[in-house]
Amino acid sequence: MAGDVMTATTREQTVFQLIGLPPGGLLVTGIETRLWGKTHIVAFDYSGGENIEKQFKLIFENCHQLTWQMMNDEIDERDVNADVIGVDLYTKSEHQLTVIHTDLFELVFEHDTLTVVKHW
């Protein structure tokens, strides 16, 4: 994959610290599953002050569990992006836990490795 790659080493970080940008708006623009669910890739668009727009991906590797809950029963097929309400990073025993909460769904990944791929 193109772009800068870095791996999260501490769970004290926010998603904005991981991508190295100030807090701003986030959209989920795509979700991809690989290796029969062991790897998940979530694509984001970031928008910040002064017309800053960036794209990045979070790659969850060696996933042990994924919970996907729909937050809205009335999904419109024209909804191609989901507004991110929050991204929470935790440590759960020997695994990492990441919760992505949007206006349409909530994803909870229990995983071993989180990698950030920045497309800038």
PDB file of N, CA and C in Angstrom:
ATOM      1  N   MET A   1       0.835  -1.183   0.000  1.00  0.00           N
ATOM      2  CA  MET A   1       0.000   0.000   0.000  1.00  0.00           C
ATOM      3  C   MET A   1       0.875   1.240   0.000  1.00  0.00           C
ATOM      4  N   ALA A   2       0.391   2.265  -0.648  1.00  0.00           N
ATOM      5  CA  ALA A   2       1.140   3.512  -0.718  1.00  0.00           C
ATOM      6  C   ALA A   2       0.934   4.313   0.547  1.00  0.00           C
ATOM      7  N   GLY A   3       1.841   5.235   0.804  1.00  0.00           N
ATOM      8  CA  GLY A   3       1.686   6.142   1.938  1.00  0.00           C
ATOM      9  C   GLY A   3       2.581   5.762   3.095  1.00  0.00           C
ATOM     10  N   ASP A   4       2.613   6.662   4.082  1.00  0.00           N
ATOM     11  CA  ASP A   4       3.384   6.402   5.290  1.00  0.00           C
ATOM     12  C   ASP A   4       2.678   5.336   6.105  1.00  0.00           C
ATOM     13  N   VAL A   5       3.466   4.471   6.740  1.00  0.00           N
ATOM     14  CA  VAL A   5       2.920   3.413   7.569  1.00  0.00           C
ATOM     15  C   VAL A   5       3.532   3.514   8.945  1.00  0.00           C
ATOM     16  N   MET A   6       2.681   3.423   9.987  1.00  0.00           N
ATOM     17  CA  MET A   6       3.196   3.363  11.338  1.00  0.00           C
ATOM     18  C   MET A   6       2.265   2.479  12.149  1.00  0.00           C
ATOM     19  N   THR A   7       2.806   1.835  13.166  1.00  0.00           N
ATOM     20  CA  THR A   7       2.043   0.925  14.000  1.00  0.00           C
ATOM     21  C   THR A   7       1.855   1.552  15.364  1.00  0.00           C
ATOM     22  N   ALA A   8       0.645   1.474  15.891  1.00  0.00           N
ATOM     23  CA  ALA A   8       0.361   2.015  17.221  1.00  0.00           C
ATOM     24  C   ALA A   8       1.061   1.162  18.270  1.00  0.00           C
ATOM     25  N   THR A   9       1.814   1.811  19.136  1.00  0.00           N
ATOM     26  CA  THR A   9       2.526   1.083  20.178  1.00  0.00           C
ATOM     27  C   THR A   9       1.943   1.340  21.554  1.00  0.00           C
ATOM     28  N   THR A  10       1.097   2.339  21.675  1.00  0.00           N
ATOM     29  CA  THR A  10       0.495   2.645  22.965  1.00  0.00           C
ATOM     30  C   THR A  10      -0.995   2.862  22.786  1.00  0.00           C
ATOM     31  N   ARG A  11      -1.741   2.460  23.737  1.00  0.00           N
ATOM     32  CA  ARG A  11      -3.190   2.617  23.660  1.00  0.00           C
ATOM     33  C   ARG A  11      -3.624   3.928  24.297  1.00  0.00           C
ATOM     34  N   GLU A  12      -2.686   4.758  24.661  1.00  0.00           N
ATOM     35  CA  GLU A  12      -3.000   6.059  25.235  1.00  0.00           C
ATOM     36  C   GLU A  12      -3.311   7.078  24.146  1.00  0.00           C
ATOM     37  N   GLN A  13      -3.083   6.739  22.905  1.00  0.00           N
ATOM     38  CA  GLN A  13      -3.226   7.679  21.806  1.00  0.00           C
ATOM     39  C   GLN A  13      -4.674   7.790  21.342  1.00  0.00           C
ATOM     40  N   THR A  14      -5.015   8.947  20.792  1.00  0.00           N
ATOM     41  CA  THR A  14      -6.291   9.117  20.103  1.00  0.00           C
ATOM     42  C   THR A  14      -6.044   8.869  18.623  1.00  0.00           C
ATOM     43  N   VAL A  15      -7.114   8.717  17.869  1.00  0.00           N
ATOM     44  CA  VAL A  15      -6.956   8.516  16.438  1.00  0.00           C
ATOM     45  C   VAL A  15      -6.277   9.726  15.804  1.00  0.00           C
ATOM     46  N   PHE A  16      -6.517  10.919  16.337  1.00  0.00           N
ATOM     47  CA  PHE A  16      -5.885  12.114  15.778  1.00  0.00           C
ATOM     48  C   PHE A  16      -4.390  12.138  16.072  1.00  0.00           C
ATOM     49  N   GLN A  17      -3.977  11.645  17.229  1.00  0.00           N
ATOM     50  CA  GLN A  17      -2.552  11.520  17.507  1.00  0.00           C
ATOM     51  C   GLN A  17      -1.914  10.491  16.584  1.00  0.00           C
ATOM     52  N   LEU A  18      -2.639   9.407  16.321  1.00  0.00           N
ATOM     53  CA  LEU A  18      -2.106   8.373  15.420  1.00  0.00           C
ATOM     54  C   LEU A  18      -1.854   8.920  14.025  1.00  0.00           C
ATOM     55  N   ILE A  19      -2.751   9.788  13.544  1.00  0.00           N
ATOM     56  CA  ILE A  19      -2.573  10.313  12.183  1.00  0.00           C
ATOM     57  C   ILE A  19      -1.771  11.616  12.174  1.00  0.00           C
ATOM     58  N   GLY A  20      -1.471  12.152  13.358  1.00  0.00           N
ATOM     59  CA  GLY A  20      -0.636  13.344  13.438  1.00  0.00           C
ATOM     60  C   GLY A  20      -1.326  14.619  13.011  1.00  0.00           C
ATOM     61  N   LEU A  21      -2.642  14.703  13.213  1.00  0.00           N
ATOM     62  CA  LEU A  21      -3.398  15.891  12.842  1.00  0.00           C
ATOM     63  C   LEU A  21      -4.273  16.331  14.013  1.00  0.00           C
ATOM     64  N   PRO A  22      -4.632  17.620  14.055  1.00  0.00           N
ATOM     65  CA  PRO A  22      -5.513  18.092  15.131  1.00  0.00           C
ATOM     66  C   PRO A  22      -6.911  17.490  14.982  1.00  0.00           C
ATOM     67  N   PRO A  23      -7.678  17.473  16.069  1.00  0.00           N
ATOM     68  CA  PRO A  23      -9.047  16.956  15.972  1.00  0.00           C
ATOM     69  C   PRO A  23      -9.831  17.656  14.863  1.00  0.00           C
ATOM     70  N   GLY A  24     -10.592  16.864  14.137  1.00  0.00           N
ATOM     71  CA  GLY A  24     -11.387  17.378  13.023  1.00  0.00           C
ATOM     72  C   GLY A  24     -12.504  16.415  12.710  1.00  0.00           C
ATOM     73  N   GLY A  25     -13.128  16.589  11.576  1.00  0.00           N
ATOM     74  CA  GLY A  25     -14.214  15.715  11.162  1.00  0.00           C
ATOM     75  C   GLY A  25     -13.685  14.456  10.499  1.00  0.00           C
ATOM     76  N   LEU A  26     -14.391  13.346  10.724  1.00  0.00           N
ATOM     77  CA  LEU A  26     -14.019  12.073  10.112  1.00  0.00           C
ATOM     78  C   LEU A  26     -15.242  11.439   9.464  1.00  0.00           C
ATOM     79  N   LEU A  27     -15.013  10.826   8.317  1.00  0.00           N
ATOM     80  CA  LEU A  27     -16.020  10.014   7.642  1.00  0.00           C
ATOM     81  C   LEU A  27     -15.431   8.636   7.390  1.00  0.00           C
ATOM     82  N   VAL A  28     -16.213   7.582   7.594  1.00  0.00           N
ATOM     83  CA  VAL A  28     -15.827   6.250   7.125  1.00  0.00           C
ATOM     84  C   VAL A  28     -16.295   6.164   5.684  1.00  0.00           C
ATOM     85  N   THR A  29     -15.350   5.864   4.783  1.00  0.00           N
ATOM     86  CA  THR A  29     -15.664   5.822   3.358  1.00  0.00           C
ATOM     87  C   THR A  29     -15.643   4.411   2.784  1.00  0.00           C
ATOM     88  N   GLY A  30     -15.157   3.453   3.561  1.00  0.00           N
ATOM     89  CA  GLY A  30     -15.126   2.080   3.076  1.00  0.00           C
ATOM     90  C   GLY A  30     -14.617   1.121   4.130  1.00  0.00           C
ATOM     91  N   ILE A  31     -15.043  -0.120   4.002  1.00  0.00           N
ATOM     92  CA  ILE A  31     -14.604  -1.184   4.904  1.00  0.00           C
ATOM     93  C   ILE A  31     -14.306  -2.403   4.055  1.00  0.00           C
ATOM     94  N   GLU A  32     -13.151  -3.006   4.297  1.00  0.00           N
ATOM     95  CA  GLU A  32     -12.727  -4.172   3.531  1.00  0.00           C
ATOM     96  C   GLU A  32     -12.319  -5.279   4.497  1.00  0.00           C
ATOM     97  N   THR A  33     -12.692  -6.503   4.173  1.00  0.00           N
ATOM     98  CA  THR A  33     -12.332  -7.664   4.995  1.00  0.00           C
ATOM     99  C   THR A  33     -11.425  -8.568   4.180  1.00  0.00           C
ATOM    100  N   ARG A  34     -10.352  -9.027   4.812  1.00  0.00           N
ATOM    101  CA  ARG A  34      -9.397  -9.925   4.147  1.00  0.00           C
ATOM    102  C   ARG A  34      -9.107 -11.120   5.045  1.00  0.00           C
ATOM    103  N   LEU A  35      -8.547 -12.129   4.450  1.00  0.00           N
ATOM    104  CA  LEU A  35      -8.129 -13.334   5.170  1.00  0.00           C
ATOM    105  C   LEU A  35      -9.258 -13.908   6.018  1.00  0.00           C
ATOM    106  N   TRP A  36     -10.449 -13.944   5.430  1.00  0.00           N
ATOM    107  CA  TRP A  36     -11.623 -14.533   6.083  1.00  0.00           C
ATOM    108  C   TRP A  36     -11.908 -13.917   7.442  1.00  0.00           C
ATOM    109  N   GLY A  37     -11.652 -12.619   7.558  1.00  0.00           N
ATOM    110  CA  GLY A  37     -11.990 -11.897   8.777  1.00  0.00           C
ATOM    111  C   GLY A  37     -10.844 -11.679   9.744  1.00  0.00           C
ATOM    112  N   LYS A  38      -9.652 -12.159   9.437  1.00  0.00           N
ATOM    113  CA  LYS A  38      -8.503 -11.923  10.327  1.00  0.00           C
ATOM    114  C   LYS A  38      -7.960 -10.509  10.173  1.00  0.00           C
ATOM    115  N   THR A  39      -8.200  -9.887   9.025  1.00  0.00           N
ATOM    116  CA  THR A  39      -7.753  -8.520   8.768  1.00  0.00           C
ATOM    117  C   THR A  39      -8.934  -7.696   8.259  1.00  0.00           C
ATOM    118  N   HIS A  40      -9.078  -6.502   8.831  1.00  0.00           N
ATOM    119  CA  HIS A  40     -10.111  -5.564   8.397  1.00  0.00           C
ATOM    120  C   HIS A  40      -9.449  -4.216   8.141  1.00  0.00           C
ATOM    121  N   ILE A  41      -9.868  -3.549   7.072  1.00  0.00           N
ATOM    122  CA  ILE A  41      -9.328  -2.245   6.707  1.00  0.00           C
ATOM    123  C   ILE A  41     -10.487  -1.252   6.654  1.00  0.00           C
ATOM    124  N   VAL A  42     -10.347  -0.159   7.409  1.00  0.00           N
ATOM    125  CA  VAL A  42     -11.380   0.878   7.426  1.00  0.00           C
ATOM    126  C   VAL A  42     -10.760   2.143   6.837  1.00  0.00           C
ATOM    127  N   ALA A  43     -11.382   2.664   5.782  1.00  0.00           N
ATOM    128  CA  ALA A  43     -10.903   3.873   5.106  1.00  0.00           C
ATOM    129  C   ALA A  43     -11.639   5.091   5.654  1.00  0.00           C
ATOM    130  N   PHE A  44     -10.885   6.176   5.849  1.00  0.00           N
ATOM    131  CA  PHE A  44     -11.426   7.408   6.417  1.00  0.00           C
ATOM    132  C   PHE A  44     -11.061   8.602   5.555  1.00  0.00           C
ATOM    133  N   ASP A  45     -11.939   9.605   5.586  1.00  0.00           N
ATOM    134  CA  ASP A  45     -11.623  10.955   5.110  1.00  0.00           C
ATOM    135  C   ASP A  45     -11.581  11.850   6.339  1.00  0.00           C
ATOM    136  N   TYR A  46     -10.538  12.679   6.425  1.00  0.00           N
ATOM    137  CA  TYR A  46     -10.370  13.643   7.515  1.00  0.00           C
ATOM    138  C   TYR A  46     -10.557  15.035   6.950  1.00  0.00           C
ATOM    139  N   SER A  47     -11.265  15.888   7.685  1.00  0.00           N
ATOM    140  CA  SER A  47     -11.339  17.299   7.308  1.00  0.00           C
ATOM    141  C   SER A  47     -11.093  18.133   8.559  1.00  0.00           C
ATOM    142  N   GLY A  48     -10.178  19.080   8.423  1.00  0.00           N
ATOM    143  CA  GLY A  48      -9.821  19.945   9.540  1.00  0.00           C
ATOM    144  C   GLY A  48      -9.917  21.399   9.143  1.00  0.00           C
ATOM    145  N   GLY A  49      -9.458  22.254  10.032  1.00  0.00           N
ATOM    146  CA  GLY A  49      -9.477  23.688   9.755  1.00  0.00           C
ATOM    147  C   GLY A  49      -8.619  24.044   8.559  1.00  0.00           C
ATOM    148  N   GLU A  50      -8.838  25.215   8.044  1.00  0.00           N
ATOM    149  CA  GLU A  50      -8.074  25.747   6.912  1.00  0.00           C
ATOM    150  C   GLU A  50      -8.114  24.832   5.690  1.00  0.00           C
ATOM    151  N   ASN A  51      -9.269  24.225   5.450  1.00  0.00           N
ATOM    152  CA  ASN A  51      -9.478  23.378   4.273  1.00  0.00           C
ATOM    153  C   ASN A  51      -8.496  22.214   4.163  1.00  0.00           C
ATOM    154  N   ILE A  52      -8.112  21.631   5.293  1.00  0.00           N
ATOM    155  CA  ILE A  52      -7.236  20.459   5.280  1.00  0.00           C
ATOM    156  C   ILE A  52      -8.098  19.222   5.076  1.00  0.00           C
ATOM    157  N   GLU A  53      -7.805  18.463   4.032  1.00  0.00           N
ATOM    158  CA  GLU A  53      -8.508  17.216   3.767  1.00  0.00           C
ATOM    159  C   GLU A  53      -7.480  16.136   3.490  1.00  0.00           C
ATOM    160  N   LYS A  54      -7.603  15.014   4.203  1.00  0.00           N
ATOM    161  CA  LYS A  54      -6.649  13.909   4.084  1.00  0.00           C
ATOM    162  C   LYS A  54      -7.414  12.589   4.088  1.00  0.00           C
ATOM    163  N   GLN A  55      -6.795  11.570   3.537  1.00  0.00           N
ATOM    164  CA  GLN A  55      -7.341  10.221   3.587  1.00  0.00           C
ATOM    165  C   GLN A  55      -6.350   9.308   4.308  1.00  0.00           C
ATOM    166  N   PHE A  56      -6.904   8.371   5.069  1.00  0.00           N
ATOM    167  CA  PHE A  56      -6.059   7.381   5.741  1.00  0.00           C
ATOM    168  C   PHE A  56      -6.862   6.114   5.969  1.00  0.00           C
ATOM    169  N   LYS A  57      -6.144   5.053   6.308  1.00  0.00           N
ATOM    170  CA  LYS A  57      -6.773   3.767   6.609  1.00  0.00           C
ATOM    171  C   LYS A  57      -6.273   3.262   7.951  1.00  0.00           C
ATOM    172  N   LEU A  58      -7.145   2.602   8.682  1.00  0.00           N
ATOM    173  CA  LEU A  58      -6.771   1.846   9.863  1.00  0.00           C
ATOM    174  C   LEU A  58      -6.866   0.377   9.484  1.00  0.00           C
ATOM    175  N   ILE A  59      -5.773  -0.356   9.708  1.00  0.00           N
ATOM    176  CA  ILE A  59      -5.729  -1.775   9.382  1.00  0.00           C
ATOM    177  C   ILE A  59      -5.661  -2.559  10.682  1.00  0.00           C
ATOM    178  N   PHE A  60      -6.665  -3.380  10.904  1.00  0.00           N
ATOM    179  CA  PHE A  60      -6.756  -4.212  12.100  1.00  0.00           C
ATOM    180  C   PHE A  60      -6.327  -5.615  11.712  1.00  0.00           C
ATOM    181  N   GLU A  61      -5.199  -6.069  12.285  1.00  0.00           N
ATOM    182  CA  GLU A  61      -4.659  -7.373  11.915  1.00  0.00           C
ATOM    183  C   GLU A  61      -4.757  -8.344  13.081  1.00  0.00           C
ATOM    184  N   ASN A  62      -4.849  -9.607  12.722  1.00  0.00           N
ATOM    185  CA  ASN A  62      -5.016 -10.707  13.670  1.00  0.00           C
ATOM    186  C   ASN A  62      -6.227 -10.433  14.558  1.00  0.00           C
ATOM    187  N   CYS A  63      -7.370 -10.220  13.909  1.00  0.00           N
ATOM    188  CA  CYS A  63      -8.618  -9.942  14.627  1.00  0.00           C
ATOM    189  C   CYS A  63      -9.141 -11.218  15.279  1.00  0.00           C
ATOM    190  N   HIS A  64      -9.563 -11.083  16.508  1.00  0.00           N
ATOM    191  CA  HIS A  64     -10.119 -12.205  17.255  1.00  0.00           C
ATOM    192  C   HIS A  64     -11.634 -12.139  17.297  1.00  0.00           C
ATOM    193  N   GLN A  65     -12.162 -10.918  17.224  1.00  0.00           N
ATOM    194  CA  GLN A  65     -13.614 -10.746  17.275  1.00  0.00           C
ATOM    195  C   GLN A  65     -13.979  -9.415  16.635  1.00  0.00           C
ATOM    196  N   LEU A  66     -15.108  -9.404  15.938  1.00  0.00           N
ATOM    197  CA  LEU A  66     -15.663  -8.191  15.359  1.00  0.00           C
ATOM    198  C   LEU A  66     -17.143  -8.159  15.692  1.00  0.00           C
ATOM    199  N   THR A  67     -17.590  -7.046  16.255  1.00  0.00           N
ATOM    200  CA  THR A  67     -19.011  -6.825  16.494  1.00  0.00           C
ATOM    201  C   THR A  67     -19.436  -5.654  15.631  1.00  0.00           C
ATOM    202  N   TRP A  68     -20.498  -5.836  14.864  1.00  0.00           N
ATOM    203  CA  TRP A  68     -20.998  -4.811  13.959  1.00  0.00           C
ATOM    204  C   TRP A  68     -22.464  -4.601  14.303  1.00  0.00           C
ATOM    205  N   GLN A  69     -22.785  -3.427  14.834  1.00  0.00           N
ATOM    206  CA  GLN A  69     -24.154  -3.116  15.230  1.00  0.00           C
ATOM    207  C   GLN A  69     -24.656  -1.943  14.412  1.00  0.00           C
ATOM    208  N   MET A  70     -25.802  -2.119  13.797  1.00  0.00           N
ATOM    209  CA  MET A  70     -26.410  -1.041  13.038  1.00  0.00           C
ATOM    210  C   MET A  70     -27.074  -0.066  14.010  1.00  0.00           C
ATOM    211  N   MET A  71     -26.874   1.226  13.818  1.00  0.00           N
ATOM    212  CA  MET A  71     -27.419   2.248  14.705  1.00  0.00           C
ATOM    213  C   MET A  71     -28.708   2.843  14.150  1.00  0.00           C
ATOM    214  N   ASN A  72     -28.995   2.561  12.894  1.00  0.00           N
ATOM    215  CA  ASN A  72     -30.145   3.161  12.232  1.00  0.00           C
ATOM    216  C   ASN A  72     -30.757   2.104  11.322  1.00  0.00           C
ATOM    217  N   ASP A  73     -32.019   1.783  11.529  1.00  0.00           N
ATOM    218  CA  ASP A  73     -32.679   0.763  10.710  1.00  0.00           C
ATOM    219  C   ASP A  73     -33.018   1.265   9.313  1.00  0.00           C
ATOM    220  N   GLU A  74     -33.027   2.565   9.125  1.00  0.00           N
ATOM    221  CA  GLU A  74     -33.419   3.133   7.843  1.00  0.00           C
ATOM    222  C   GLU A  74     -32.189   3.640   7.082  1.00  0.00           C
ATOM    223  N   ILE A  75     -31.446   2.707   6.528  1.00  0.00           N
ATOM    224  CA  ILE A  75     -30.255   3.052   5.752  1.00  0.00           C
ATOM    225  C   ILE A  75     -30.678   3.343   4.316  1.00  0.00           C
ATOM    226  N   ASP A  76     -30.187   4.438   3.802  1.00  0.00           N
ATOM    227  CA  ASP A  76     -30.468   4.841   2.428  1.00  0.00           C
ATOM    228  C   ASP A  76     -29.303   4.377   1.563  1.00  0.00           C
ATOM    229  N   GLU A  77     -29.593   3.744   0.443  1.00  0.00           N
ATOM    230  CA  GLU A  77     -28.524   3.255  -0.427  1.00  0.00           C
ATOM    231  C   GLU A  77     -27.650   4.377  -0.966  1.00  0.00           C
ATOM    232  N   ARG A  78     -28.111   5.613  -0.850  1.00  0.00           N
ATOM    233  CA  ARG A  78     -27.304   6.757  -1.282  1.00  0.00           C
ATOM    234  C   ARG A  78     -26.284   7.168  -0.223  1.00  0.00           C
ATOM    235  N   ASP A  79     -26.394   6.582   0.993  1.00  0.00           N
ATOM    236  CA  ASP A  79     -25.407   6.869   2.044  1.00  0.00           C
ATOM    237  C   ASP A  79     -24.116   6.124   1.729  1.00  0.00           C
ATOM    238  N   VAL A  80     -23.145   6.828   1.173  1.00  0.00           N
ATOM    239  CA  VAL A  80     -21.875   6.191   0.810  1.00  0.00           C
ATOM    240  C   VAL A  80     -20.797   6.451   1.851  1.00  0.00           C
ATOM    241  N   ASN A  81     -21.059   7.358   2.796  1.00  0.00           N
ATOM    242  CA  ASN A  81     -20.125   7.659   3.877  1.00  0.00           C
ATOM    243  C   ASN A  81     -20.901   7.639   5.197  1.00  0.00           C
ATOM    244  N   ALA A  82     -20.178   7.372   6.276  1.00  0.00           N
ATOM    245  CA  ALA A  82     -20.778   7.404   7.609  1.00  0.00           C
ATOM    246  C   ALA A  82     -20.028   8.431   8.443  1.00  0.00           C
ATOM    247  N   ASP A  83     -20.756   9.329   9.098  1.00  0.00           N
ATOM    248  CA  ASP A  83     -20.141  10.331   9.974  1.00  0.00           C
ATOM    249  C   ASP A  83     -19.624   9.669  11.243  1.00  0.00           C
ATOM    250  N   VAL A  84     -18.352   9.875  11.545  1.00  0.00           N
ATOM    251  CA  VAL A  84     -17.752   9.285  12.740  1.00  0.00           C
ATOM    252  C   VAL A  84     -18.098  10.143  13.945  1.00  0.00           C
ATOM    253  N   ILE A  85     -18.639   9.501  14.961  1.00  0.00           N
ATOM    254  CA  ILE A  85     -18.940  10.161  16.221  1.00  0.00           C
ATOM    255  C   ILE A  85     -17.756  10.025  17.175  1.00  0.00           C
ATOM    256  N   GLY A  86     -17.077   8.879  17.122  1.00  0.00           N
ATOM    257  CA  GLY A  86     -15.907   8.685  17.975  1.00  0.00           C
ATOM    258  C   GLY A  86     -15.143   7.437  17.597  1.00  0.00           C
ATOM    259  N   VAL A  87     -13.844   7.456  17.908  1.00  0.00           N
ATOM    260  CA  VAL A  87     -12.975   6.290  17.765  1.00  0.00           C
ATOM    261  C   VAL A  87     -12.278   6.128  19.109  1.00  0.00           C
ATOM    262  N   ASP A  88     -12.534   5.017  19.774  1.00  0.00           N
ATOM    263  CA  ASP A  88     -11.966   4.765  21.096  1.00  0.00           C
ATOM    264  C   ASP A  88     -10.986   3.605  21.028  1.00  0.00           C
ATOM    265  N   LEU A  89      -9.825   3.789  21.639  1.00  0.00           N
ATOM    266  CA  LEU A  89      -8.763   2.787  21.652  1.00  0.00           C
ATOM    267  C   LEU A  89      -8.558   2.303  23.077  1.00  0.00           C
ATOM    268  N   TYR A  90      -8.571   0.985  23.272  1.00  0.00           N
ATOM    269  CA  TYR A  90      -8.440   0.393  24.601  1.00  0.00           C
ATOM    270  C   TYR A  90      -7.470  -0.775  24.573  1.00  0.00           C
ATOM    271  N   THR A  91      -7.047  -1.207  25.758  1.00  0.00           N
ATOM    272  CA  THR A  91      -6.341  -2.466  25.927  1.00  0.00           C
ATOM    273  C   THR A  91      -7.266  -3.388  26.699  1.00  0.00           C
ATOM    274  N   LYS A  92      -7.455  -4.595  26.195  1.00  0.00           N
ATOM    275  CA  LYS A  92      -8.298  -5.592  26.855  1.00  0.00           C
ATOM    276  C   LYS A  92      -7.452  -6.835  27.036  1.00  0.00           C
ATOM    277  N   SER A  93      -6.981  -7.068  28.246  1.00  0.00           N
ATOM    278  CA  SER A  93      -6.060  -8.161  28.570  1.00  0.00           C
ATOM    279  C   SER A  93      -4.905  -8.167  27.571  1.00  0.00           C
ATOM    280  N   GLU A  94      -4.736  -9.235  26.809  1.00  0.00           N
ATOM    281  CA  GLU A  94      -3.593  -9.308  25.896  1.00  0.00           C
ATOM    282  C   GLU A  94      -3.902  -8.744  24.510  1.00  0.00           C
ATOM    283  N   HIS A  95      -5.137  -8.306  24.269  1.00  0.00           N
ATOM    284  CA  HIS A  95      -5.527  -7.795  22.959  1.00  0.00           C
ATOM    285  C   HIS A  95      -5.851  -6.307  23.027  1.00  0.00           C
ATOM    286  N   GLN A  96      -5.887  -5.682  21.859  1.00  0.00           N
ATOM    287  CA  GLN A  96      -6.317  -4.293  21.744  1.00  0.00           C
ATOM    288  C   GLN A  96      -7.780  -4.282  21.328  1.00  0.00           C
ATOM    289  N   LEU A  97      -8.474  -3.243  21.738  1.00  0.00           N
ATOM    290  CA  LEU A  97      -9.882  -3.095  21.415  1.00  0.00           C
ATOM    291  C   LEU A  97     -10.077  -1.710  20.820  1.00  0.00           C
ATOM    292  N   THR A  98     -10.679  -1.644  19.642  1.00  0.00           N
ATOM    293  CA  THR A  98     -10.973  -0.371  18.999  1.00  0.00           C
ATOM    294  C   THR A  98     -12.460  -0.318  18.694  1.00  0.00           C
ATOM    295  N   VAL A  99     -13.089   0.794  19.085  1.00  0.00           N
ATOM    296  CA  VAL A  99     -14.514   1.005  18.837  1.00  0.00           C
ATOM    297  C   VAL A  99     -14.651   2.202  17.899  1.00  0.00           C
ATOM    298  N   ILE A 100     -15.302   1.990  16.764  1.00  0.00           N
ATOM    299  CA  ILE A 100     -15.588   3.056  15.809  1.00  0.00           C
ATOM    300  C   ILE A 100     -17.096   3.254  15.823  1.00  0.00           C
ATOM    301  N   HIS A 101     -17.524   4.409  16.316  1.00  0.00           N
ATOM    302  CA  HIS A 101     -18.952   4.710  16.439  1.00  0.00           C
ATOM    303  C   HIS A 101     -19.312   5.758  15.394  1.00  0.00           C
ATOM    304  N   THR A 102     -20.296   5.443  14.543  1.00  0.00           N
ATOM    305  CA  THR A 102     -20.741   6.368  13.496  1.00  0.00           C
ATOM    306  C   THR A 102     -22.246   6.595  13.627  1.00  0.00           C
ATOM    307  N   ASP A 103     -22.757   7.457  12.767  1.00  0.00           N
ATOM    308  CA  ASP A 103     -24.197   7.695  12.761  1.00  0.00           C
ATOM    309  C   ASP A 103     -24.986   6.512  12.206  1.00  0.00           C
ATOM    310  N   LEU A 104     -24.330   5.598  11.486  1.00  0.00           N
ATOM    311  CA  LEU A 104     -25.007   4.457  10.882  1.00  0.00           C
ATOM    312  C   LEU A 104     -24.730   3.127  11.574  1.00  0.00           C
ATOM    313  N   PHE A 105     -23.533   2.966  12.151  1.00  0.00           N
ATOM    314  CA  PHE A 105     -23.148   1.686  12.747  1.00  0.00           C
ATOM    315  C   PHE A 105     -22.068   1.890  13.797  1.00  0.00           C
ATOM    316  N   GLU A 106     -21.856   0.844  14.569  1.00  0.00           N
ATOM    317  CA  GLU A 106     -20.733   0.804  15.515  1.00  0.00           C
ATOM    318  C   GLU A 106     -19.964  -0.483  15.250  1.00  0.00           C
ATOM    319  N   LEU A 107     -18.648  -0.347  15.098  1.00  0.00           N
ATOM    320  CA  LEU A 107     -17.761  -1.489  14.913  1.00  0.00           C
ATOM    321  C   LEU A 107     -16.881  -1.628  16.149  1.00  0.00           C
ATOM    322  N   VAL A 108     -16.738  -2.846  16.648  1.00  0.00           N
ATOM    323  CA  VAL A 108     -15.842  -3.125  17.769  1.00  0.00           C
ATOM    324  C   VAL A 108     -14.888  -4.222  17.306  1.00  0.00           C
ATOM    325  N   PHE A 109     -13.609  -3.865  17.215  1.00  0.00           N
ATOM    326  CA  PHE A 109     -12.573  -4.808  16.799  1.00  0.00           C
ATOM    327  C   PHE A 109     -11.761  -5.225  18.015  1.00  0.00           C
ATOM    328  N   GLU A 110     -11.608  -6.527  18.234  1.00  0.00           N
ATOM    329  CA  GLU A 110     -10.624  -7.036  19.192  1.00  0.00           C
ATOM    330  C   GLU A 110      -9.496  -7.609  18.337  1.00  0.00           C
ATOM    331  N   HIS A 111      -8.294  -7.036  18.477  1.00  0.00           N
ATOM    332  CA  HIS A 111      -7.218  -7.330  17.537  1.00  0.00           C
ATOM    333  C   HIS A 111      -5.868  -7.273  18.239  1.00  0.00           C
ATOM    334  N   ASP A 112      -4.831  -7.727  17.514  1.00  0.00           N
ATOM    335  CA  ASP A 112      -3.469  -7.673  18.040  1.00  0.00           C
ATOM    336  C   ASP A 112      -2.702  -6.461  17.543  1.00  0.00           C
ATOM    337  N   THR A 113      -2.916  -6.067  16.297  1.00  0.00           N
ATOM    338  CA  THR A 113      -2.122  -4.994  15.695  1.00  0.00           C
ATOM    339  C   THR A 113      -3.028  -3.982  15.007  1.00  0.00           C
ATOM    340  N   LEU A 114      -2.728  -2.720  15.226  1.00  0.00           N
ATOM    341  CA  LEU A 114      -3.404  -1.623  14.528  1.00  0.00           C
ATOM    342  C   LEU A 114      -2.337  -0.844  13.767  1.00  0.00           C
ATOM    343  N   THR A 115      -2.517  -0.767  12.457  1.00  0.00           N
ATOM    344  CA  THR A 115      -1.584  -0.031  11.609  1.00  0.00           C
ATOM    345  C   THR A 115      -2.322   1.120  10.942  1.00  0.00           C
ATOM    346  N   VAL A 116      -1.655   2.263  10.871  1.00  0.00           N
ATOM    347  CA  VAL A 116      -2.210   3.446  10.212  1.00  0.00           C
ATOM    348  C   VAL A 116      -1.481   3.625   8.891  1.00  0.00           C
ATOM    349  N   VAL A 117      -2.239   3.760   7.801  1.00  0.00           N
ATOM    350  CA  VAL A 117      -1.653   4.056   6.494  1.00  0.00           C
ATOM    351  C   VAL A 117      -2.188   5.421   6.085  1.00  0.00           C
ATOM    352  N   LYS A 118      -1.280   6.405   6.030  1.00  0.00           N
ATOM    353  CA  LYS A 118      -1.656   7.771   5.662  1.00  0.00           C
ATOM    354  C   LYS A 118      -1.390   7.979   4.183  1.00  0.00           C
ATOM    355  N   HIS A 119      -2.355   8.560   3.507  1.00  0.00           N
ATOM    356  CA  HIS A 119      -2.217   8.818   2.071  1.00  0.00           C
ATOM    357  C   HIS A 119      -1.917  10.286   1.815  1.00  0.00           C
ATOM    358  N   TRP A 120      -0.813  10.740   2.407  1.00  0.00           N
ATOM    359  CA  TRP A 120      -0.314  12.087   2.169  1.00  0.00           C
ATOM    360  C   TRP A 120       1.158  12.149   2.451  1.00  0.00           C
TER     361      TRP A 120
END
